[in-house]
Amino acid sequence: MTKPAQRELAQLTPLAQLRAGRLPLRLIQLFVGLTLFGVAMAGFVRSGLGLAPWDVLHYGVTLHTGLSLGTVVIIFGFIVLLLWIPLRQMPGLGTIANVIWLGIAADIGLAFIPEAHGLPAQLAMFIGALLVNGLGGGLYIGSQLGPGPRDGLMTGLHARTGISLRVARTGVEVIVLAIGWLLGGIVGFGTVLYAVAIGPVTQLFLRFCIIELRTQAPAAEVPTTAP
């Protein structure tokens, strides 16, 4: 008995993404995924065990500006999107939705999720947030409506400079982590755990979340760690 063909991500232009069919389903999945991703971001903050590299930067900026975490996430989303211009990257509908809705969802999560007290509760909240983050990432990537601004920055650097996605991702995240740490962002055990686990967790969910399209040209590489 042969195994069923595995669903793969397509590499499409922004316009082709919209024309590839099943758009209502894909939009619903996109916003569910982004909502879960933003709520997970709030869960990491409330756990107090450490944040993802980009969120260390976001949180550090909130400490010095008084802006909400979600507002900072949105502002940096637009800043990163501007960096796409020299890289000749074109944002999709999902990219724009990511920039705006992710921050809103994070602030909603912070309004409802209480702070965890005691290591067992902190670990439980962090691990729960990690799973929700992975599911959210799988859903929004699987909707095939364009990468998040931070993922697009990495793929753009890869396309224009020839460096590997691994090097591009590591270089960018080390820089933002260092700046965020200097600003007072939360760095801890959870930061390391996130860096190690989020790729496999997202990939685990992604295999079940990819919506097949009319045109299914496989992409070469897809980063699964940043919104």
Protein backbone atom coordinates (compact mmCIF):
# COMPACT_ATOMS: atom_id res chain seq x y z
CA MET A 1 0.00 0.00 0.00
CA THR A 2 1.41 3.40 -0.97
CA LYS A 3 1.41 6.28 1.47
CA PRO A 4 -0.80 9.29 0.68
CA ALA A 5 1.03 12.27 -0.81
CA GLN A 6 2.17 14.76 1.79
CA ARG A 7 0.77 18.26 1.47
CA GLU A 8 3.39 20.90 0.76
CA LEU A 9 3.59 24.66 0.91
CA ALA A 10 3.37 26.49 -2.39
CA GLN A 11 5.64 29.32 -3.51
CA LEU A 12 3.25 31.88 -5.01
CA THR A 13 3.15 35.60 -5.64
CA PRO A 14 0.77 37.64 -3.46
CA LEU A 15 -1.78 37.83 -6.30
CA ALA A 16 -1.51 34.11 -7.02
CA GLN A 17 -2.10 33.41 -3.32
CA LEU A 18 -5.47 35.15 -3.54
CA ARG A 19 -6.39 33.31 -6.76
CA ALA A 20 -5.39 29.86 -5.53
CA GLY A 21 -8.85 28.99 -4.21
CA ARG A 22 -10.51 28.18 -0.86
CA LEU A 23 -10.00 31.78 0.23
CA PRO A 24 -12.76 31.98 2.91
CA LEU A 25 -11.40 28.89 4.67
CA ARG A 26 -7.85 30.17 4.40
CA LEU A 27 -8.77 33.59 5.82
CA ILE A 28 -10.50 31.99 8.80
CA GLN A 29 -7.50 29.75 9.42
CA LEU A 30 -5.13 32.71 9.06
CA PHE A 31 -6.86 34.80 11.73
CA VAL A 32 -7.36 31.87 14.09
CA GLY A 33 -3.65 31.12 13.79
CA LEU A 34 -2.59 34.72 14.34
CA THR A 35 -4.92 35.00 17.34
CA LEU A 36 -3.43 31.90 18.93
CA PHE A 37 0.08 33.15 18.17
CA GLY A 38 -0.63 36.50 19.85
CA VAL A 39 -2.28 34.90 22.88
CA ALA A 40 0.72 32.57 23.23
CA MET A 41 2.97 35.63 23.21
CA ALA A 42 1.02 36.95 26.20
CA GLY A 43 1.34 33.54 27.89
CA PHE A 44 5.12 33.66 27.60
CA VAL A 45 5.14 37.11 29.22
CA ARG A 46 2.89 35.97 32.10
CA SER A 47 5.03 32.87 32.69
CA GLY A 48 8.05 35.06 33.50
CA LEU A 49 10.46 32.40 32.24
CA GLY A 50 11.69 34.17 29.13
CA LEU A 51 10.50 35.29 25.72
CA ALA A 52 11.23 34.54 22.09
CA PRO A 53 14.10 36.66 20.71
CA TRP A 54 11.87 39.14 18.86
CA ASP A 55 9.58 39.44 21.87
CA VAL A 56 12.55 40.18 24.13
CA LEU A 57 13.09 43.23 21.93
CA HIS A 58 9.39 44.12 21.87
CA TYR A 59 9.09 43.84 25.64
CA GLY A 60 12.27 45.83 26.21
CA VAL A 61 10.86 48.67 24.14
CA THR A 62 7.61 48.65 26.14
CA LEU A 63 9.61 49.19 29.33
CA HIS A 64 11.12 52.39 27.95
CA THR A 65 8.14 53.83 26.08
CA GLY A 66 5.06 52.96 28.10
CA LEU A 67 3.44 51.56 24.96
CA SER A 68 1.58 48.27 25.20
CA LEU A 69 3.34 45.12 24.00
CA GLY A 70 0.85 44.76 21.16
CA THR A 71 1.44 48.32 19.98
CA VAL A 72 5.19 47.74 19.89
CA VAL A 73 4.69 44.48 17.99
CA ILE A 74 2.64 46.34 15.37
CA ILE A 75 5.16 49.20 15.08
CA PHE A 76 8.07 46.79 14.62
CA GLY A 77 6.03 44.78 12.14
CA PHE A 78 5.74 47.85 9.92
CA ILE A 79 9.43 48.72 10.43
CA VAL A 80 10.49 45.22 9.37
CA LEU A 81 8.12 45.43 6.42
CA LEU A 82 9.98 48.55 5.24
CA LEU A 83 13.16 46.46 5.20
CA TRP A 84 11.49 44.26 2.59
CA ILE A 85 11.74 47.08 0.03
CA PRO A 86 15.49 46.82 -0.70
CA LEU A 87 15.14 43.03 -0.56
CA ARG A 88 12.43 43.22 -3.25
CA GLN A 89 10.00 41.18 -1.19
CA MET A 90 6.25 41.51 -1.85
CA PRO A 91 3.90 41.18 1.15
CA GLY A 92 0.82 39.02 0.87
CA LEU A 93 -2.53 39.54 2.54
CA GLY A 94 -1.40 37.31 5.38
CA THR A 95 1.70 39.46 5.86
CA ILE A 96 -0.36 42.62 6.38
CA ALA A 97 -2.79 40.79 8.65
CA ASN A 98 0.18 39.50 10.64
CA VAL A 99 1.54 43.02 11.16
CA ILE A 100 -1.76 44.37 12.49
CA TRP A 101 -3.64 41.51 14.14
CA LEU A 102 -0.76 39.84 16.00
CA GLY A 103 -0.26 42.85 18.27
CA ILE A 104 -4.00 43.20 18.92
CA ALA A 105 -4.23 39.53 19.89
CA ALA A 106 -1.22 39.88 22.21
CA ASP A 107 -2.81 42.78 24.08
CA ILE A 108 -6.09 40.88 24.37
CA GLY A 109 -4.19 37.92 25.81
CA LEU A 110 -2.38 40.12 28.33
CA ALA A 111 -5.71 41.56 29.46
CA PHE A 112 -7.10 38.13 30.34
CA ILE A 113 -4.15 35.88 31.23
CA PRO A 114 -3.04 36.24 34.88
CA GLU A 115 0.59 36.18 35.94
CA ALA A 116 1.86 32.74 36.94
CA HIS A 117 3.28 32.34 40.46
CA GLY A 118 5.59 29.53 41.47
CA LEU A 119 7.78 27.42 39.21
CA PRO A 120 5.22 24.64 38.51
CA ALA A 121 2.61 27.16 37.37
CA GLN A 122 5.21 29.07 35.37
CA LEU A 123 6.38 25.92 33.59
CA ALA A 124 2.82 24.84 32.87
CA MET A 125 1.98 28.23 31.41
CA PHE A 126 5.14 28.37 29.34
CA ILE A 127 4.71 24.87 27.90
CA GLY A 128 1.04 25.57 27.19
CA ALA A 129 1.99 28.82 25.44
CA LEU A 130 4.66 26.96 23.44
CA LEU A 131 2.11 24.45 22.16
CA VAL A 132 -0.42 27.19 21.36
CA ASN A 133 2.32 29.16 19.62
CA GLY A 134 3.26 26.16 17.50
CA LEU A 135 -0.37 25.49 16.58
CA GLY A 136 -0.93 29.16 15.75
CA GLY A 137 2.17 29.24 13.60
CA GLY A 138 1.13 26.07 11.79
CA LEU A 139 -2.32 27.47 11.09
CA TYR A 140 -1.22 30.84 9.75
CA ILE A 141 1.64 29.40 7.68
CA GLY A 142 -0.64 26.64 6.41
CA SER A 143 -3.18 29.18 5.17
CA GLN A 144 -0.63 30.06 2.46
CA LEU A 145 -1.40 33.78 2.38
CA GLY A 146 2.13 35.09 2.80
CA PRO A 147 4.83 34.94 5.48
CA GLY A 148 5.00 37.14 8.54
CA PRO A 149 7.20 40.24 8.22
CA ARG A 150 10.01 38.74 10.30
CA ASP A 151 10.03 35.45 8.38
CA GLY A 152 9.97 37.41 5.14
CA LEU A 153 13.02 39.36 6.25
CA MET A 154 14.92 36.11 6.69
CA THR A 155 13.82 34.65 3.35
CA GLY A 156 14.59 37.98 1.65
CA LEU A 157 18.12 38.01 3.05
CA HIS A 158 18.52 34.43 1.89
CA ALA A 159 17.29 35.24 -1.62
CA ARG A 160 19.33 38.42 -2.09
CA THR A 161 22.60 37.49 -0.38
CA GLY A 162 22.79 33.74 -0.87
CA ILE A 163 23.33 33.04 2.82
CA SER A 164 21.40 30.10 4.22
CA LEU A 165 18.10 30.57 6.00
CA ARG A 166 19.68 29.11 9.13
CA VAL A 167 22.43 31.75 9.14
CA ALA A 168 19.99 34.55 8.28
CA ARG A 169 17.61 33.53 11.05
CA THR A 170 20.36 33.08 13.64
CA GLY A 171 22.06 36.37 12.77
CA VAL A 172 18.86 38.41 12.90
CA GLU A 173 17.59 36.81 16.09
CA VAL A 174 20.92 37.16 17.92
CA ILE A 175 20.93 40.88 17.09
CA VAL A 176 17.35 41.52 18.22
CA LEU A 177 17.85 39.37 21.32
CA ALA A 178 20.96 41.32 22.32
CA ILE A 179 19.24 44.69 21.83
CA GLY A 180 16.16 43.50 23.71
CA TRP A 181 18.26 42.20 26.60
CA LEU A 182 20.07 45.53 26.86
CA LEU A 183 16.67 47.23 27.02
CA GLY A 184 15.57 44.99 29.88
CA GLY A 185 13.55 42.39 27.97
CA ILE A 186 12.84 39.06 29.67
CA VAL A 187 15.61 36.57 28.90
CA GLY A 188 15.70 33.27 30.73
CA PHE A 189 15.42 29.52 30.56
CA GLY A 190 12.30 29.90 28.46
CA THR A 191 14.19 31.84 25.80
CA VAL A 192 16.54 28.91 25.25
CA LEU A 193 13.70 26.37 25.38
CA TYR A 194 11.74 28.37 22.83
CA ALA A 195 14.71 28.56 20.45
CA VAL A 196 15.22 24.80 20.65
CA ALA A 197 11.60 23.62 20.62
CA ILE A 198 9.52 26.01 18.52
CA GLY A 199 10.74 24.74 15.15
CA PRO A 200 9.87 21.07 15.77
CA VAL A 201 6.59 21.97 17.51
CA THR A 202 5.46 24.22 14.66
CA GLN A 203 6.50 21.63 12.08
CA LEU A 204 4.49 18.99 13.95
CA PHE A 205 1.30 21.05 13.68
CA LEU A 206 2.05 22.41 10.21
CA ARG A 207 1.84 19.00 8.57
CA PHE A 208 -1.87 18.90 9.47
CA CYS A 209 -2.61 22.58 8.76
CA ILE A 210 -1.54 23.11 5.15
CA ILE A 211 -4.54 23.90 2.96
CA GLU A 212 -4.05 22.48 -0.52
CA LEU A 213 -4.34 25.02 -3.31
CA ARG A 214 -5.12 24.84 -7.02
CA THR A 215 -1.47 25.58 -7.82
CA GLN A 216 0.77 23.59 -5.53
CA ALA A 217 4.38 24.39 -6.46
CA PRO A 218 6.49 23.43 -3.42
CA ALA A 219 8.60 26.01 -1.67
CA ALA A 220 12.29 25.31 -1.11
CA GLU A 221 12.50 26.21 2.56
CA VAL A 222 10.01 27.64 5.04
CA PRO A 223 11.11 29.14 8.38
CA THR A 224 8.75 28.22 11.20
CA THR A 225 9.94 30.23 14.15
CA ALA A 226 8.97 33.84 13.76
CA PRO A 227 5.66 35.56 13.18
